[in-house]
Amino acid sequence: MVGDSRRHDRRPVSATSGQCDLRRFRDRDKVIMYGGLADGVVPVRHTTLYYDRTVERIGCVDSLFRYFQVPEMGHCWGKPDGVKAPWMIGGAGQAAQQSPYNAGWSVPLGFNDSRHDALLALMDWVENGNAPYELVASESNFTDETRRNIVVHRQRPICMYPHVAIWDERGPQDDASSWYCG
């Protein structure tokens, strides 16, 4: 998107809340944006403000722009010590958390699909018209000191803003199928 806007405007683009008119991208481009609710670098209120101003400026953005708020995730990846919230969605820097024992995927092996990986979700949306309503985030770690065995502890849907994940009060809280977006 940055390269495209530079081609159109011939001006550098910065990620400010003032540059939120995406009308020129509406017909051919898609945006998946996410923000960690524990991000200490880019406050989630700024990211949300950008999304809200985009909606104010151009109206309904569902055909163009999806925004996901990831509970307890820091800046692009990670979480505070002791927090067990799922945050892996295939975002920037997340592959380094799984590699070199995960074949380069930024989500745990077995979950490298458009439901669990934001980049694959974007590709599926652009190439097949399947817009994501939710991304399933994973929380995992290594099972031993060799760092070769990864186990997924919990998964939850990360819902398209302004929706949030709601537990059905029946199934296991660590299973994404026990949650719905509402």
C-alpha atoms as a PDB file:
ATOM      1  CA  MET A   1       0.000   0.000   0.000  1.00  0.00           C
ATOM      2  CA  VAL A   2       2.823   2.419   0.791  1.00  0.00           C
ATOM      3  CA  GLY A   3       4.438   1.838  -2.597  1.00  0.00           C
ATOM      4  CA  ASP A   4       1.084   2.292  -4.313  1.00  0.00           C
ATOM      5  CA  SER A   5       0.385   5.561  -2.537  1.00  0.00           C
ATOM      6  CA  ARG A   6       3.826   6.862  -3.377  1.00  0.00           C
ATOM      7  CA  ARG A   7       3.184   6.067  -7.021  1.00  0.00           C
ATOM      8  CA  HIS A   8      -0.092   8.020  -6.901  1.00  0.00           C
ATOM      9  CA  ASP A   9       0.956  10.975  -4.755  1.00  0.00           C
ATOM     10  CA  ARG A  10       4.729  11.162  -5.210  1.00  0.00           C
ATOM     11  CA  ARG A  11       4.830  12.110  -1.530  1.00  0.00           C
ATOM     12  CA  PRO A  12       6.219  10.041   1.318  1.00  0.00           C
ATOM     13  CA  VAL A  13       3.575   8.328   3.389  1.00  0.00           C
ATOM     14  CA  SER A  14       3.636   8.186   7.157  1.00  0.00           C
ATOM     15  CA  ALA A  15       1.384   6.190   9.417  1.00  0.00           C
ATOM     16  CA  THR A  16      -0.495   9.130  10.853  1.00  0.00           C
ATOM     17  CA  SER A  17      -4.171   9.205  11.620  1.00  0.00           C
ATOM     18  CA  GLY A  18      -4.534  12.156   9.235  1.00  0.00           C
ATOM     19  CA  GLN A  19      -3.887  10.118   6.087  1.00  0.00           C
ATOM     20  CA  CYS A  20      -6.897   7.861   6.165  1.00  0.00           C
ATOM     21  CA  ASP A  21      -8.602   8.343   2.817  1.00  0.00           C
ATOM     22  CA  LEU A  22      -8.309   4.931   1.175  1.00  0.00           C
ATOM     23  CA  ARG A  23     -10.881   5.513  -1.584  1.00  0.00           C
ATOM     24  CA  ARG A  24      -8.310   5.148  -4.342  1.00  0.00           C
ATOM     25  CA  PHE A  25      -7.543   1.627  -3.101  1.00  0.00           C
ATOM     26  CA  ARG A  26     -11.161   0.515  -2.756  1.00  0.00           C
ATOM     27  CA  ASP A  27     -11.560  -1.216  -6.114  1.00  0.00           C
ATOM     28  CA  ARG A  28      -8.423  -3.313  -6.174  1.00  0.00           C
ATOM     29  CA  ASP A  29      -6.626  -3.405  -2.828  1.00  0.00           C
ATOM     30  CA  LYS A  30      -7.249  -4.958   0.571  1.00  0.00           C
ATOM     31  CA  VAL A  31      -5.827  -4.100   3.992  1.00  0.00           C
ATOM     32  CA  ILE A  32      -5.584  -6.288   7.091  1.00  0.00           C
ATOM     33  CA  MET A  33      -4.371  -4.225  10.030  1.00  0.00           C
ATOM     34  CA  TYR A  34      -3.844  -5.515  13.536  1.00  0.00           C
ATOM     35  CA  GLY A  35      -2.765  -3.974  16.793  1.00  0.00           C
ATOM     36  CA  GLY A  36      -1.624  -5.563  20.020  1.00  0.00           C
ATOM     37  CA  LEU A  37      -3.606  -4.335  22.988  1.00  0.00           C
ATOM     38  CA  ALA A  38      -0.366  -4.488  25.023  1.00  0.00           C
ATOM     39  CA  ASP A  39       1.705  -2.656  22.384  1.00  0.00           C
ATOM     40  CA  GLY A  40       4.083  -0.251  24.090  1.00  0.00           C
ATOM     41  CA  VAL A  41       5.414   1.195  20.818  1.00  0.00           C
ATOM     42  CA  VAL A  42       2.274   2.054  18.828  1.00  0.00           C
ATOM     43  CA  PRO A  43      -0.608   2.657  21.238  1.00  0.00           C
ATOM     44  CA  VAL A  44      -3.685   0.729  20.167  1.00  0.00           C
ATOM     45  CA  ARG A  45      -5.766   3.886  20.572  1.00  0.00           C
ATOM     46  CA  HIS A  46      -3.814   5.419  17.666  1.00  0.00           C
ATOM     47  CA  THR A  47      -4.400   2.359  15.497  1.00  0.00           C
ATOM     48  CA  THR A  48      -8.090   2.378  16.373  1.00  0.00           C
ATOM     49  CA  LEU A  49      -8.260   6.115  15.675  1.00  0.00           C
ATOM     50  CA  TYR A  50      -6.800   5.503  12.204  1.00  0.00           C
ATOM     51  CA  TYR A  51      -9.441   2.863  11.501  1.00  0.00           C
ATOM     52  CA  ASP A  52     -12.285   5.015  12.871  1.00  0.00           C
ATOM     53  CA  ARG A  53     -11.172   8.058  10.854  1.00  0.00           C
ATOM     54  CA  THR A  54     -10.963   5.938   7.723  1.00  0.00           C
ATOM     55  CA  VAL A  55     -14.572   4.831   8.282  1.00  0.00           C
ATOM     56  CA  GLU A  56     -15.608   8.463   8.911  1.00  0.00           C
ATOM     57  CA  ARG A  57     -13.891   9.593   5.736  1.00  0.00           C
ATOM     58  CA  ILE A  58     -15.038   6.945   3.258  1.00  0.00           C
ATOM     59  CA  GLY A  59     -17.944   5.122   4.935  1.00  0.00           C
ATOM     60  CA  CYS A  60     -18.235   1.355   5.104  1.00  0.00           C
ATOM     61  CA  VAL A  61     -14.817  -0.231   4.629  1.00  0.00           C
ATOM     62  CA  ASP A  62     -15.742  -3.929   4.892  1.00  0.00           C
ATOM     63  CA  SER A  63     -14.875  -4.605   1.246  1.00  0.00           C
ATOM     64  CA  LEU A  64     -11.425  -3.026   1.674  1.00  0.00           C
ATOM     65  CA  PHE A  65     -10.169  -2.880   5.247  1.00  0.00           C
ATOM     66  CA  ARG A  66     -10.211  -5.275   8.210  1.00  0.00           C
ATOM     67  CA  TYR A  67      -8.848  -4.358  11.638  1.00  0.00           C
ATOM     68  CA  PHE A  68      -8.107  -6.839  14.409  1.00  0.00           C
ATOM     69  CA  GLN A  69      -7.205  -6.026  18.021  1.00  0.00           C
ATOM     70  CA  VAL A  70      -5.082  -8.786  19.577  1.00  0.00           C
ATOM     71  CA  PRO A  71      -5.503  -9.029  23.371  1.00  0.00           C
ATOM     72  CA  GLU A  72      -2.254  -8.971  25.367  1.00  0.00           C
ATOM     73  CA  MET A  73      -0.025  -8.901  22.261  1.00  0.00           C
ATOM     74  CA  GLY A  74       2.880  -6.460  22.278  1.00  0.00           C
ATOM     75  CA  HIS A  75       4.345  -4.682  19.254  1.00  0.00           C
ATOM     76  CA  CYS A  76       3.778  -7.107  16.336  1.00  0.00           C
ATOM     77  CA  TRP A  77       4.489 -10.160  18.492  1.00  0.00           C
ATOM     78  CA  GLY A  78       5.020 -11.392  22.003  1.00  0.00           C
ATOM     79  CA  LYS A  79       3.224 -10.844  25.247  1.00  0.00           C
ATOM     80  CA  PRO A  80       4.075  -9.794  28.791  1.00  0.00           C
ATOM     81  CA  ASP A  81       5.718 -12.465  30.963  1.00  0.00           C
ATOM     82  CA  GLY A  82       3.228 -14.737  32.642  1.00  0.00           C
ATOM     83  CA  VAL A  83       0.416 -13.932  30.200  1.00  0.00           C
ATOM     84  CA  LYS A  84      -0.949 -16.922  28.340  1.00  0.00           C
ATOM     85  CA  ALA A  85      -3.139 -15.123  25.813  1.00  0.00           C
ATOM     86  CA  PRO A  86      -3.030 -16.385  22.207  1.00  0.00           C
ATOM     87  CA  TRP A  87      -1.294 -13.870  19.912  1.00  0.00           C
ATOM     88  CA  MET A  88       0.309 -15.714  16.963  1.00  0.00           C
ATOM     89  CA  ILE A  89      -1.545 -14.790  13.770  1.00  0.00           C
ATOM     90  CA  GLY A  90       1.302 -14.797  11.269  1.00  0.00           C
ATOM     91  CA  GLY A  91       2.220 -11.177  11.924  1.00  0.00           C
ATOM     92  CA  ALA A  92       5.521  -9.390  11.406  1.00  0.00           C
ATOM     93  CA  GLY A  93       8.323 -10.945  13.451  1.00  0.00           C
ATOM     94  CA  GLN A  94       6.236 -13.909  14.531  1.00  0.00           C
ATOM     95  CA  ALA A  95       8.103 -16.418  12.335  1.00  0.00           C
ATOM     96  CA  ALA A  96      11.267 -15.714  14.346  1.00  0.00           C
ATOM     97  CA  GLN A  97       9.408 -16.878  17.447  1.00  0.00           C
ATOM     98  CA  GLN A  98       8.704 -20.251  15.821  1.00  0.00           C
ATOM     99  CA  SER A  99      11.815 -20.820  13.690  1.00  0.00           C
ATOM    100  CA  PRO A 100      14.072 -22.559  12.909  1.00  0.00           C
ATOM    101  CA  TYR A 101      12.023 -25.589  13.922  1.00  0.00           C
ATOM    102  CA  ASN A 102       8.758 -24.618  12.310  1.00  0.00           C
ATOM    103  CA  ALA A 103       9.712 -24.649   8.627  1.00  0.00           C
ATOM    104  CA  GLY A 104       9.613 -20.835   8.457  1.00  0.00           C
ATOM    105  CA  TRP A 105       5.927 -20.498   9.333  1.00  0.00           C
ATOM    106  CA  SER A 106       4.902 -17.776  11.751  1.00  0.00           C
ATOM    107  CA  VAL A 107       2.122 -19.914  13.195  1.00  0.00           C
ATOM    108  CA  PRO A 108       2.505 -23.381  14.734  1.00  0.00           C
ATOM    109  CA  LEU A 109       2.786 -26.231  12.230  1.00  0.00           C
ATOM    110  CA  GLY A 110      -0.587 -27.681  11.370  1.00  0.00           C
ATOM    111  CA  PHE A 111      -2.208 -24.258  11.544  1.00  0.00           C
ATOM    112  CA  ASN A 112      -0.638 -22.667   8.457  1.00  0.00           C
ATOM    113  CA  ASP A 113      -3.864 -21.693   6.727  1.00  0.00           C
ATOM    114  CA  SER A 114      -5.936 -18.564   6.123  1.00  0.00           C
ATOM    115  CA  ARG A 115      -7.858 -18.987   9.397  1.00  0.00           C
ATOM    116  CA  HIS A 116      -4.673 -18.807  11.499  1.00  0.00           C
ATOM    117  CA  ASP A 117      -2.210 -16.755   9.408  1.00  0.00           C
ATOM    118  CA  ALA A 118      -2.980 -13.099   8.609  1.00  0.00           C
ATOM    119  CA  LEU A 119      -0.858 -13.069   5.444  1.00  0.00           C
ATOM    120  CA  LEU A 120      -2.607 -16.169   4.093  1.00  0.00           C
ATOM    121  CA  ALA A 121      -5.946 -14.563   5.052  1.00  0.00           C
ATOM    122  CA  LEU A 122      -5.004 -11.475   3.036  1.00  0.00           C
ATOM    123  CA  MET A 123      -3.986 -13.612   0.065  1.00  0.00           C
ATOM    124  CA  ASP A 124      -7.256 -15.595   0.257  1.00  0.00           C
ATOM    125  CA  TRP A 125      -9.225 -12.341   0.383  1.00  0.00           C
ATOM    126  CA  VAL A 126      -7.415 -10.811  -2.600  1.00  0.00           C
ATOM    127  CA  GLU A 127      -7.259 -13.956  -4.737  1.00  0.00           C
ATOM    128  CA  ASN A 128     -10.554 -15.678  -3.837  1.00  0.00           C
ATOM    129  CA  GLY A 129     -12.766 -12.971  -2.335  1.00  0.00           C
ATOM    130  CA  ASN A 130     -12.888 -14.638   1.102  1.00  0.00           C
ATOM    131  CA  ALA A 131     -12.779 -11.675   3.487  1.00  0.00           C
ATOM    132  CA  PRO A 132     -11.731 -12.641   7.028  1.00  0.00           C
ATOM    133  CA  TYR A 133     -14.223 -12.017   9.826  1.00  0.00           C
ATOM    134  CA  GLU A 134     -11.883 -13.541  12.396  1.00  0.00           C
ATOM    135  CA  LEU A 135      -8.335 -14.846  12.717  1.00  0.00           C
ATOM    136  CA  VAL A 136      -7.600 -17.717  15.081  1.00  0.00           C
ATOM    137  CA  ALA A 137      -4.661 -16.794  17.314  1.00  0.00           C
ATOM    138  CA  SER A 138      -2.453 -19.437  18.934  1.00  0.00           C
ATOM    139  CA  GLU A 139      -0.373 -19.482  22.097  1.00  0.00           C
ATOM    140  CA  SER A 140       2.375 -22.069  22.106  1.00  0.00           C
ATOM    141  CA  ASN A 141       5.834 -22.778  23.393  1.00  0.00           C
ATOM    142  CA  PHE A 142       8.578 -25.353  23.278  1.00  0.00           C
ATOM    143  CA  THR A 143       8.093 -28.545  25.277  1.00  0.00           C
ATOM    144  CA  ASP A 144      11.754 -29.160  26.078  1.00  0.00           C
ATOM    145  CA  GLU A 145      15.182 -27.527  26.255  1.00  0.00           C
ATOM    146  CA  THR A 146      16.065 -28.606  22.692  1.00  0.00           C
ATOM    147  CA  ARG A 147      13.455 -26.097  21.442  1.00  0.00           C
ATOM    148  CA  ARG A 148      12.467 -28.602  18.772  1.00  0.00           C
ATOM    149  CA  ASN A 149       8.999 -29.563  19.968  1.00  0.00           C
ATOM    150  CA  ILE A 150       6.258 -26.953  19.885  1.00  0.00           C
ATOM    151  CA  VAL A 151       2.932 -27.474  21.613  1.00  0.00           C
ATOM    152  CA  VAL A 152      -0.156 -25.290  21.191  1.00  0.00           C
ATOM    153  CA  HIS A 153      -1.695 -24.495  24.571  1.00  0.00           C
ATOM    154  CA  ARG A 154      -4.665 -22.414  23.538  1.00  0.00           C
ATOM    155  CA  GLN A 155      -6.371 -20.768  20.582  1.00  0.00           C
ATOM    156  CA  ARG A 156      -9.006 -18.059  20.353  1.00  0.00           C
ATOM    157  CA  PRO A 157     -10.642 -16.100  17.575  1.00  0.00           C
ATOM    158  CA  ILE A 158      -9.472 -12.526  17.117  1.00  0.00           C
ATOM    159  CA  CYS A 159     -12.564 -10.804  15.788  1.00  0.00           C
ATOM    160  CA  MET A 160     -12.836  -8.046  13.225  1.00  0.00           C
ATOM    161  CA  TYR A 161     -13.116  -4.725  15.075  1.00  0.00           C
ATOM    162  CA  PRO A 162     -15.368  -3.667  16.767  1.00  0.00           C
ATOM    163  CA  HIS A 163     -16.442  -7.258  17.530  1.00  0.00           C
ATOM    164  CA  VAL A 164     -14.869  -9.228  20.379  1.00  0.00           C
ATOM    165  CA  ALA A 165     -14.508 -12.922  21.174  1.00  0.00           C
ATOM    166  CA  ILE A 166     -17.175 -14.230  23.552  1.00  0.00           C
ATOM    167  CA  TRP A 167     -16.862 -17.564  25.359  1.00  0.00           C
ATOM    168  CA  ASP A 168     -19.888 -19.849  24.890  1.00  0.00           C
ATOM    169  CA  GLU A 169     -19.657 -20.901  28.587  1.00  0.00           C
ATOM    170  CA  ARG A 170     -19.787 -24.582  27.568  1.00  0.00           C
ATOM    171  CA  GLY A 171     -16.618 -25.624  25.788  1.00  0.00           C
ATOM    172  CA  PRO A 172     -12.992 -25.501  26.952  1.00  0.00           C
ATOM    173  CA  GLN A 173     -11.718 -21.923  27.146  1.00  0.00           C
ATOM    174  CA  ASP A 174      -8.474 -22.931  25.421  1.00  0.00           C
ATOM    175  CA  ASP A 175     -10.308 -24.159  22.296  1.00  0.00           C
ATOM    176  CA  ALA A 176     -11.176 -21.621  19.586  1.00  0.00           C
ATOM    177  CA  SER A 177     -14.423 -23.471  18.788  1.00  0.00           C
ATOM    178  CA  SER A 178     -15.731 -22.504  22.262  1.00  0.00           C
ATOM    179  CA  TRP A 179     -15.710 -18.838  21.275  1.00  0.00           C
ATOM    180  CA  TYR A 180     -17.677 -16.716  18.824  1.00  0.00           C
ATOM    181  CA  CYS A 181     -17.436 -13.142  17.593  1.00  0.00           C
ATOM    182  CA  GLY A 182     -20.093 -10.804  18.883  1.00  0.00           C
END
